[in-house]
Amino acid sequence: MSHPVVHFEVMGRDSDRLERFYRDTFGWKMEPAMPGYAMVHPAGEGGIAGGVGGGEGESRVTFYIETDDLGGTLSKVEFLGGTTVMEPTDVPGGPSIALFEDPEGHVIGLVEARPK
């Protein structure tokens, strides 16, 4: 599949509560990445990495789609009726990401593929 889903986020107002809920419910290993945000690493085969966090803003669940060209993909999103929510941004020590809304208002993430 081109453009696979490679990451997810569950964001809310209380990061500690969310981390505890998902850790205790599903046995997910949570690794603190920054204040208010923990990385989730898949156990075994077939899972994808993710993050659980909180703070200001609306609660949301977002999945991230891999692309080779954030800017080009955002241009295509806008041409087809979506809206850029967050321009391409470099994550410290990580990849470049962006966010868009689809025509129904769902926030979807993009992550730039790393060179192989």
Protein backbone atom coordinates (compact mmCIF):
# COMPACT_ATOMS: atom_id res chain seq x y z
CA MET A 1 0.00 0.00 0.00
CA SER A 2 1.36 3.42 -0.84
CA HIS A 3 0.83 6.00 1.89
CA PRO A 4 0.37 3.59 4.83
CA VAL A 5 -0.98 4.67 8.23
CA VAL A 6 2.18 4.80 10.37
CA HIS A 7 1.26 6.57 13.62
CA PHE A 8 -1.73 7.48 15.79
CA GLU A 9 -2.40 9.99 18.57
CA VAL A 10 -5.01 10.11 21.32
CA MET A 11 -5.05 13.63 22.76
CA GLY A 12 -7.15 15.05 25.58
CA ARG A 13 -7.15 17.42 28.51
CA ASP A 14 -5.55 15.05 31.10
CA SER A 15 -2.50 13.26 29.70
CA ASP A 16 -1.80 11.29 32.90
CA ARG A 17 -5.35 9.92 32.98
CA LEU A 18 -5.28 8.99 29.29
CA GLU A 19 -1.86 7.32 29.57
CA ARG A 20 -2.98 5.34 32.61
CA PHE A 21 -6.26 4.32 30.90
CA TYR A 22 -4.62 2.97 27.72
CA ARG A 23 -1.69 1.40 29.58
CA ASP A 24 -3.94 -0.41 32.07
CA THR A 25 -6.65 -1.35 29.56
CA PHE A 26 -4.45 -2.66 26.75
CA GLY A 27 -1.05 -3.23 28.38
CA TRP A 28 0.56 -0.60 26.16
CA LYS A 29 4.11 0.38 27.07
CA MET A 30 4.22 4.16 27.54
CA GLU A 31 7.54 5.96 27.19
CA PRO A 32 7.62 9.66 28.15
CA ALA A 33 8.67 11.74 25.13
CA MET A 34 8.03 15.26 26.43
CA PRO A 35 5.91 16.80 29.18
CA GLY A 36 2.32 15.68 28.72
CA TYR A 37 3.07 13.23 25.89
CA ALA A 38 4.10 9.57 25.85
CA MET A 39 5.04 7.36 22.93
CA VAL A 40 3.32 4.00 22.51
CA HIS A 41 5.41 1.23 20.99
CA PRO A 42 3.72 -1.75 19.35
CA ALA A 43 4.11 -5.11 21.04
CA GLY A 44 4.72 -7.91 18.58
CA GLU A 45 4.09 -7.75 14.87
CA GLY A 46 1.42 -5.83 13.04
CA GLY A 47 0.98 -2.83 15.31
CA ILE A 48 1.89 0.77 14.66
CA ALA A 49 3.51 3.26 17.00
CA GLY A 50 1.51 6.06 18.51
CA GLY A 51 1.29 8.72 21.14
CA VAL A 52 -1.00 9.61 24.04
CA GLY A 53 -0.99 13.09 25.50
CA GLY A 54 -2.91 16.05 26.73
CA GLY A 55 -2.99 19.71 27.46
CA GLU A 56 -4.79 22.62 25.93
CA GLY A 57 -7.02 22.16 22.93
CA GLU A 58 -9.78 19.81 21.94
CA SER A 59 -9.76 16.09 22.58
CA ARG A 60 -9.08 14.20 19.37
CA VAL A 61 -7.86 10.99 17.82
CA THR A 62 -5.63 11.40 14.79
CA PHE A 63 -3.94 8.91 12.50
CA TYR A 64 -0.88 9.80 10.45
CA ILE A 65 -0.34 8.84 6.81
CA GLU A 66 3.17 8.55 5.38
CA THR A 67 4.03 10.64 2.31
CA ASP A 68 7.21 11.49 0.43
CA ASP A 69 6.20 15.15 -0.02
CA LEU A 70 4.33 17.02 2.72
CA GLY A 71 3.90 20.20 0.69
CA GLY A 72 2.76 18.39 -2.42
CA THR A 73 0.30 16.26 -0.47
CA LEU A 74 -1.14 19.33 1.29
CA SER A 75 -1.59 21.02 -2.10
CA LYS A 76 -3.51 17.98 -3.34
CA VAL A 77 -5.59 17.93 -0.12
CA GLU A 78 -6.57 21.57 -0.66
CA PHE A 79 -7.31 21.05 -4.37
CA LEU A 80 -9.67 18.20 -3.42
CA GLY A 81 -11.56 20.19 -0.76
CA GLY A 82 -9.49 19.74 2.41
CA THR A 83 -7.82 22.43 4.52
CA THR A 84 -4.30 22.64 5.92
CA VAL A 85 -4.46 22.85 9.74
CA MET A 86 -0.71 22.77 10.49
CA GLU A 87 2.00 23.52 7.94
CA PRO A 88 4.97 21.11 7.72
CA THR A 89 6.80 21.13 11.05
CA ASP A 90 9.98 19.37 12.16
CA VAL A 91 9.50 17.32 15.33
CA PRO A 92 12.63 17.59 17.53
CA GLY A 93 14.58 14.35 17.05
CA GLY A 94 11.85 13.01 14.77
CA PRO A 95 10.20 13.36 11.41
CA SER A 96 8.47 16.29 9.72
CA ILE A 97 4.68 16.30 10.14
CA ALA A 98 1.64 18.30 9.03
CA LEU A 99 -2.10 18.22 9.74
CA PHE A 100 -5.12 18.72 7.51
CA GLU A 101 -8.90 18.59 7.76
CA ASP A 102 -10.78 16.48 5.27
CA PRO A 103 -13.99 17.88 3.70
CA GLU A 104 -16.00 16.58 6.73
CA GLY A 105 -13.70 18.26 9.28
CA HIS A 106 -11.71 15.20 10.46
CA VAL A 107 -8.14 16.10 11.40
CA ILE A 108 -5.64 13.76 9.71
CA GLY A 109 -1.88 13.80 10.09
CA LEU A 110 0.86 13.44 7.52
CA VAL A 111 4.38 12.26 8.28
CA GLU A 112 7.20 12.60 5.79
CA ALA A 113 8.87 9.32 4.86
CA ARG A 114 12.49 9.09 5.86
CA PRO A 115 15.00 8.32 3.12
CA LYS A 116 15.83 4.62 2.97
